[in-house]
Amino acid sequence: MNKYEVIIDTLPAKGDRVEILFRQAGDGFIQVEYGHEQRVELLDSFRMLAADKKIKDSKIQGLIETLPSLRANMVHFDPTIISPQELIDRIKEIEESIPGVEDMVIDSRIITLPIAFEDSQTKKAVEMYLKQVRPDAPNCADGYNLDYMAQCNGCTVEDIKHMLLTTDWYNSGCGFWPGGGFFWPMDPRCKMIVPKYNPPRIWTPEGAVGIGGACLFTYTTATGGGYQLFGRTIPTFQFSMKHPQFKDGPFLYRPSGDRIRFVETTEKEILDIYEHVHDKTDYVYDIQESQIVVKDYLEFLRDPEVVKGAQEFAAKQEEGSKTAPKL
């Protein structure tokens, strides 16, 4: 074995479970990864959530915290209390105890977020990028990113907006920036794919919404960023925790399992909501407790109309990727 090999153990594939890789990630971290190939597969996340819950419920001595994502879980532990191999063995036992993913029911809130397309603040971010970073950026040729998103996917701007509004976006985990979530389309007919900015922006407004690859992100604070921008939504983070929605913590999203749905509105309405969240603190967020019944979701994915629509869109994407300017 190469002395620099970071994969220290594996668990063979079984049923609908791919091979699990255990990677050394520092003295007190083990990364549990599903499969060798990077892929966007929500079923991996469903299984990851089930395993993560069991790991936490097991009260393993020496376990500090976990950070689940789409197809990997970072497990933080105290190596003076439990050895890496002992921890891996416990996780293996838990993985073996989990039934097939088809029988799972996932707790999943539905968060409805108003969104204004092509608002003035995200347009300002694009304008600043053209002036200060890359004047010839092909993704900003129209002064915004929606046209470029449409080019990459072989469709129209209206098609892009329609896809954003008609699918639920599933959160596979939180990270990158405080309170941020990594959201993926649950309807394969809406799985648009775009490259990131090259190089990134130096400023993005709070509430901006963008896509990089197939992943959607809502910017929780003003920051840099590299996702293609298409609009702005309401606050999803409040450091002061003044608003009742944030009384238990500054983040709107839970680490995994939330779904968001976008409803189009005006920029004026978005700005009014900002005032009623950050100043008046009387805005009521639209959040419903719900579940994902995986068996029902799999039936949806197998529906002939869904399969046909996803295949047709993938063909358009392939053509669009050939003709869209490279970043």
Protein backbone atom coordinates (compact mmCIF):
# COMPACT_ATOMS: atom_id res chain seq x y z
CA MET A 1 0.00 0.00 0.00
CA ASN A 2 1.18 3.52 -0.79
CA LYS A 3 2.13 5.20 2.49
CA TYR A 4 0.16 8.26 1.37
CA GLU A 5 -3.05 6.30 0.69
CA VAL A 6 -5.93 8.00 2.51
CA ILE A 7 -8.54 5.24 2.02
CA ILE A 8 -8.00 3.19 5.16
CA ASP A 9 -10.99 0.84 4.90
CA THR A 10 -13.98 0.00 2.70
CA LEU A 11 -17.40 -1.63 2.96
CA PRO A 12 -18.44 -3.59 -0.16
CA ALA A 13 -21.48 -2.66 -2.20
CA LYS A 14 -24.68 -4.42 -1.18
CA GLY A 15 -28.18 -4.16 -2.68
CA ASP A 16 -28.81 -0.51 -3.56
CA ARG A 17 -25.79 0.61 -1.50
CA VAL A 18 -22.61 1.47 -3.40
CA GLU A 19 -19.16 0.69 -1.98
CA ILE A 20 -18.38 2.84 1.04
CA LEU A 21 -14.92 4.37 1.40
CA PHE A 22 -13.43 5.42 4.72
CA ARG A 23 -10.81 8.14 4.28
CA GLN A 24 -8.40 9.47 6.88
CA ALA A 25 -9.08 13.23 6.99
CA GLY A 26 -6.77 14.31 9.83
CA ASP A 27 -6.01 13.03 13.32
CA GLY A 28 -9.60 13.46 14.45
CA PHE A 29 -11.64 13.09 11.26
CA ILE A 30 -12.89 10.22 9.10
CA GLN A 31 -14.65 10.90 5.80
CA VAL A 32 -17.31 8.33 4.92
CA GLU A 33 -17.83 8.47 1.16
CA TYR A 34 -20.35 6.65 -1.04
CA GLY A 35 -18.58 5.29 -4.11
CA HIS A 36 -15.50 6.30 -6.09
CA GLU A 37 -17.38 8.25 -8.76
CA GLN A 38 -18.69 11.75 -8.14
CA ARG A 39 -22.39 11.86 -8.95
CA VAL A 40 -25.55 13.78 -8.17
CA GLU A 41 -27.79 11.06 -6.77
CA LEU A 42 -30.32 12.08 -4.13
CA LEU A 43 -30.74 8.47 -3.02
CA ASP A 44 -27.17 8.64 -1.69
CA SER A 45 -28.21 11.60 0.46
CA PHE A 46 -31.33 9.82 1.71
CA ARG A 47 -29.19 6.91 2.87
CA MET A 48 -26.58 9.28 4.30
CA LEU A 49 -29.27 10.95 6.44
CA ALA A 50 -30.49 7.60 7.76
CA ALA A 51 -26.95 6.51 8.65
CA ASP A 52 -26.09 9.88 10.17
CA LYS A 53 -29.14 9.77 12.46
CA LYS A 54 -28.21 6.28 13.66
CA ILE A 55 -24.59 7.33 14.24
CA LYS A 56 -25.74 10.22 16.43
CA ASP A 57 -28.39 8.15 18.23
CA SER A 58 -25.77 5.50 19.06
CA LYS A 59 -24.02 7.90 21.47
CA ILE A 60 -20.60 6.60 20.46
CA GLN A 61 -18.01 7.55 23.06
CA GLY A 62 -15.53 9.96 21.50
CA LEU A 63 -17.85 11.12 18.69
CA ILE A 64 -17.89 14.93 18.56
CA GLU A 65 -19.99 15.83 15.52
CA THR A 66 -20.86 14.88 11.94
CA LEU A 67 -21.25 16.89 8.74
CA PRO A 68 -23.34 14.97 6.16
CA SER A 69 -23.44 16.10 2.54
CA LEU A 70 -24.69 14.71 -0.79
CA ARG A 71 -22.56 11.54 -0.83
CA ALA A 72 -20.10 11.91 2.04
CA ASN A 73 -20.15 12.39 5.80
CA MET A 74 -17.30 14.01 7.73
CA VAL A 75 -17.11 12.41 11.18
CA HIS A 76 -15.25 14.36 13.87
CA PHE A 77 -14.00 12.31 16.83
CA ASP A 78 -11.55 12.36 19.73
CA PRO A 79 -8.74 9.87 18.92
CA THR A 80 -7.75 9.72 22.61
CA ILE A 81 -11.14 8.13 23.37
CA ILE A 82 -11.85 5.99 20.28
CA SER A 83 -9.47 4.81 17.58
CA PRO A 84 -10.22 5.38 13.88
CA GLN A 85 -10.71 1.64 13.29
CA GLU A 86 -13.06 1.27 16.26
CA LEU A 87 -15.14 4.15 14.92
CA ILE A 88 -15.14 2.70 11.40
CA ASP A 89 -16.29 -0.67 12.74
CA ARG A 90 -19.21 1.00 14.53
CA ILE A 91 -20.20 2.89 11.38
CA LYS A 92 -20.00 -0.34 9.36
CA GLU A 93 -22.41 -2.01 11.79
CA ILE A 94 -24.80 0.90 11.40
CA GLU A 95 -24.58 0.85 7.60
CA GLU A 96 -25.30 -2.89 7.55
CA SER A 97 -28.39 -2.34 9.71
CA ILE A 98 -30.00 0.12 7.29
CA PRO A 99 -32.66 -1.37 4.98
CA GLY A 100 -32.98 -0.58 1.29
CA VAL A 101 -33.45 3.08 0.49
CA GLU A 102 -36.80 2.41 -1.21
CA ASP A 103 -38.43 1.77 2.17
CA MET A 104 -37.25 5.03 3.74
CA VAL A 105 -39.39 7.98 4.76
CA ILE A 106 -37.36 11.20 5.19
CA ASP A 107 -38.49 14.07 7.40
CA SER A 108 -38.31 17.09 5.12
CA ARG A 109 -39.65 20.60 5.65
CA ILE A 110 -40.96 22.54 2.65
CA ILE A 111 -39.79 26.17 2.72
CA THR A 112 -41.51 28.45 0.22
CA LEU A 113 -39.29 31.38 -0.76
CA PRO A 114 -40.38 34.41 -2.81
CA ILE A 115 -37.91 35.28 -5.57
CA ALA A 116 -37.49 38.27 -7.87
CA PHE A 117 -35.72 37.51 -11.13
CA GLU A 118 -33.15 39.96 -12.52
CA ASP A 119 -33.37 42.27 -9.52
CA SER A 120 -31.26 45.44 -9.24
CA GLN A 121 -28.85 44.13 -6.59
CA THR A 122 -27.77 40.99 -8.43
CA LYS A 123 -27.53 43.07 -11.61
CA LYS A 124 -25.24 45.41 -9.67
CA ALA A 125 -23.03 42.44 -8.73
CA VAL A 126 -22.70 41.50 -12.40
CA GLU A 127 -21.96 45.10 -13.38
CA MET A 128 -19.22 45.35 -10.73
CA TYR A 129 -17.71 42.11 -12.00
CA LEU A 130 -17.55 43.42 -15.55
CA LYS A 131 -15.97 46.69 -14.42
CA GLN A 132 -13.55 45.41 -11.80
CA VAL A 133 -12.71 41.80 -12.62
CA ARG A 134 -13.39 40.58 -16.18
CA PRO A 135 -14.81 43.03 -18.74
CA ASP A 136 -14.98 40.35 -21.45
CA ALA A 137 -16.77 37.70 -19.35
CA PRO A 138 -18.97 35.76 -21.83
CA ASN A 139 -21.41 34.73 -19.10
CA CYS A 140 -22.19 38.43 -18.54
CA ALA A 141 -22.48 39.46 -22.18
CA ASP A 142 -26.06 40.68 -21.70
CA GLY A 143 -25.26 42.40 -18.39
CA TYR A 144 -26.63 39.41 -16.48
CA ASN A 145 -26.28 35.60 -16.30
CA LEU A 146 -29.67 34.27 -17.38
CA ASP A 147 -28.92 34.31 -21.11
CA TYR A 148 -25.71 32.39 -20.53
CA MET A 149 -27.55 29.84 -18.35
CA ALA A 150 -30.03 29.34 -21.21
CA GLN A 151 -27.22 28.95 -23.76
CA CYS A 152 -25.49 26.28 -21.67
CA ASN A 153 -28.70 24.28 -21.43
CA GLY A 154 -29.92 24.66 -25.00
CA CYS A 155 -33.11 26.43 -23.99
CA THR A 156 -34.63 29.88 -23.44
CA VAL A 157 -34.52 32.22 -20.44
CA GLU A 158 -38.22 31.54 -19.88
CA ASP A 159 -37.45 27.82 -19.80
CA ILE A 160 -34.82 28.44 -17.10
CA LYS A 161 -37.28 30.43 -14.98
CA HIS A 162 -39.95 27.77 -15.46
CA MET A 163 -37.58 25.04 -14.24
CA LEU A 164 -36.52 27.07 -11.21
CA LEU A 165 -40.15 27.56 -10.20
CA THR A 166 -41.58 24.11 -10.89
CA THR A 167 -39.27 21.73 -9.01
CA ASP A 168 -38.55 21.30 -5.32
CA TRP A 169 -34.89 21.93 -4.44
CA TYR A 170 -33.50 19.41 -1.97
CA ASN A 171 -30.88 20.38 0.61
CA SER A 172 -28.12 17.75 0.85
CA GLY A 173 -26.28 19.62 3.61
CA CYS A 174 -25.11 23.00 4.85
CA GLY A 175 -21.72 24.58 4.40
CA PHE A 176 -19.37 26.70 2.29
CA TRP A 177 -20.71 29.86 3.95
CA PRO A 178 -22.53 30.17 7.31
CA GLY A 179 -26.13 29.05 6.90
CA GLY A 180 -25.82 28.12 3.25
CA GLY A 181 -27.42 24.98 1.83
CA PHE A 182 -26.55 22.84 -1.18
CA PHE A 183 -29.78 22.43 -3.15
CA TRP A 184 -30.48 19.98 -5.99
CA PRO A 185 -33.53 19.70 -8.31
CA MET A 186 -35.81 16.79 -7.46
CA ASP A 187 -37.36 16.79 -10.93
CA PRO A 188 -34.74 15.52 -13.45
CA ARG A 189 -36.46 17.56 -16.17
CA CYS A 190 -35.24 20.67 -14.33
CA LYS A 191 -31.61 19.63 -13.83
CA MET A 192 -29.90 22.58 -15.49
CA ILE A 193 -26.08 22.64 -15.44
CA VAL A 194 -23.83 25.70 -15.72
CA PRO A 195 -20.12 26.37 -15.11
CA LYS A 196 -19.02 28.75 -12.35
CA TYR A 197 -17.59 32.23 -12.87
CA ASN A 198 -13.94 32.27 -13.92
CA PRO A 199 -12.54 33.98 -11.84
CA PRO A 200 -15.13 34.48 -9.07
CA ARG A 201 -16.95 37.71 -8.20
CA ILE A 202 -15.69 39.95 -5.41
CA TRP A 203 -19.22 40.87 -4.24
CA THR A 204 -22.63 39.22 -4.13
CA PRO A 205 -25.62 40.69 -2.25
CA GLU A 206 -27.40 39.01 0.63
CA GLY A 207 -30.24 36.87 -0.72
CA ALA A 208 -28.82 36.40 -4.21
CA VAL A 209 -29.64 33.02 -5.74
CA GLY A 210 -27.36 31.26 -8.19
CA ILE A 211 -26.37 27.92 -9.70
CA GLY A 212 -22.96 26.31 -10.16
CA GLY A 213 -22.86 22.92 -11.85
CA ALA A 214 -26.29 21.53 -10.94
CA CYS A 215 -26.25 22.95 -7.39
CA LEU A 216 -28.36 25.92 -6.32
CA PHE A 217 -27.24 28.24 -3.51
CA THR A 218 -28.90 31.13 -1.68
CA TYR A 219 -26.30 33.63 -0.45
CA THR A 220 -26.87 34.23 3.26
CA THR A 221 -24.76 37.40 3.54
CA ALA A 222 -22.94 39.76 1.21
CA THR A 223 -19.81 37.93 0.05
CA GLY A 224 -17.80 36.94 -3.00
CA GLY A 225 -19.08 34.09 -5.13
CA GLY A 226 -18.90 32.16 -8.35
CA TYR A 227 -22.39 30.82 -9.11
CA GLN A 228 -24.36 32.17 -12.08
CA LEU A 229 -26.93 34.63 -10.71
CA PHE A 230 -30.59 34.80 -11.69
CA GLY A 231 -32.43 36.55 -8.85
CA ARG A 232 -32.81 37.42 -5.19
CA THR A 233 -34.81 35.87 -2.37
CA ILE A 234 -35.59 36.81 1.24
CA PRO A 235 -33.23 36.51 4.24
CA THR A 236 -32.13 32.99 5.16
CA PHE A 237 -29.68 34.08 7.89
CA GLN A 238 -29.86 36.56 10.75
CA PHE A 239 -26.82 36.96 12.98
CA SER A 240 -28.70 39.08 15.54
CA MET A 241 -31.42 36.39 15.90
CA LYS A 242 -34.02 39.14 16.54
CA HIS A 243 -36.69 37.63 14.31
CA PRO A 244 -38.77 34.79 15.87
CA GLN A 245 -37.78 32.46 13.02
CA PHE A 246 -34.14 32.75 14.11
CA LYS A 247 -34.62 32.76 17.91
CA ASP A 248 -32.93 29.35 18.29
CA GLY A 249 -30.11 30.01 15.83
CA PRO A 250 -29.12 32.33 12.97
CA PHE A 251 -29.76 29.79 10.17
CA LEU A 252 -33.02 29.18 8.32
CA TYR A 253 -32.03 25.82 6.83
CA ARG A 254 -31.53 22.61 8.76
CA PRO A 255 -28.35 20.69 7.91
CA SER A 256 -30.07 18.21 5.59
CA GLY A 257 -33.45 17.26 4.20
CA ASP A 258 -35.11 20.65 3.73
CA ARG A 259 -36.77 21.42 0.42
CA ILE A 260 -37.28 24.90 -0.98
CA ARG A 261 -39.89 26.05 -3.48
CA PHE A 262 -39.64 29.37 -5.27
CA VAL A 263 -42.60 31.63 -5.97
CA GLU A 264 -42.01 34.58 -8.30
CA THR A 265 -42.68 38.04 -6.95
CA THR A 266 -41.52 41.64 -7.49
CA GLU A 267 -38.33 43.22 -6.26
CA LYS A 268 -40.43 45.68 -4.22
CA GLU A 269 -42.02 42.76 -2.38
CA ILE A 270 -38.58 41.27 -1.67
CA LEU A 271 -37.33 44.59 -0.26
CA ASP A 272 -40.48 44.94 1.88
CA ILE A 273 -39.86 41.48 3.31
CA TYR A 274 -36.25 42.40 4.16
CA GLU A 275 -37.60 45.29 6.22
CA HIS A 276 -40.13 43.02 7.95
CA VAL A 277 -37.43 40.44 8.76
CA HIS A 278 -34.46 42.57 9.81
CA ASP A 279 -36.20 45.69 11.19
CA LYS A 280 -39.84 45.05 12.12
CA THR A 281 -39.26 41.28 12.64
CA ASP A 282 -42.93 40.46 11.96
CA TYR A 283 -42.67 38.58 8.66
CA VAL A 284 -44.01 35.00 8.85
CA TYR A 285 -41.95 32.43 6.94
CA ASP A 286 -43.88 29.82 4.95
CA ILE A 287 -42.53 26.52 6.34
CA GLN A 288 -44.45 23.25 6.34
CA GLU A 289 -43.44 20.05 8.11
CA SER A 290 -43.50 17.22 5.58
CA GLN A 291 -41.85 13.99 4.50
CA ILE A 292 -40.27 12.44 1.44
CA VAL A 293 -41.69 8.96 0.90
CA VAL A 294 -38.84 7.49 -1.12
CA LYS A 295 -41.00 4.81 -2.73
CA ASP A 296 -43.32 7.50 -4.11
CA TYR A 297 -40.38 9.57 -5.29
CA LEU A 298 -38.91 6.59 -7.14
CA GLU A 299 -42.26 6.01 -8.84
CA PHE A 300 -42.21 9.65 -9.95
CA LEU A 301 -38.70 9.22 -11.41
CA ARG A 302 -39.83 6.12 -13.33
CA ASP A 303 -42.90 7.79 -14.81
CA PRO A 304 -42.58 7.58 -18.62
CA GLU A 305 -43.34 11.28 -19.08
CA VAL A 306 -40.66 12.24 -16.55
CA VAL A 307 -38.12 9.89 -18.14
CA LYS A 308 -38.90 11.21 -21.62
CA GLY A 309 -38.73 14.85 -20.51
CA ALA A 310 -35.39 14.31 -18.73
CA GLN A 311 -33.91 12.62 -21.79
CA GLU A 312 -35.09 15.40 -24.10
CA PHE A 313 -33.65 18.07 -21.82
CA ALA A 314 -30.33 16.21 -21.53
CA ALA A 315 -30.10 16.19 -25.34
CA LYS A 316 -30.69 19.96 -25.44
CA GLN A 317 -28.03 20.42 -22.76
CA GLU A 318 -25.52 18.42 -24.77
CA GLU A 319 -26.03 20.67 -27.78
CA GLY A 320 -25.98 23.81 -25.65
CA SER A 321 -22.72 22.85 -23.98
CA LYS A 322 -21.08 22.59 -27.41
CA THR A 323 -22.08 26.08 -28.52
CA ALA A 324 -22.04 28.12 -25.29
CA PRO A 325 -18.86 30.20 -24.75
CA LYS A 326 -16.30 28.61 -22.43
CA LEU A 327 -15.40 30.41 -19.20
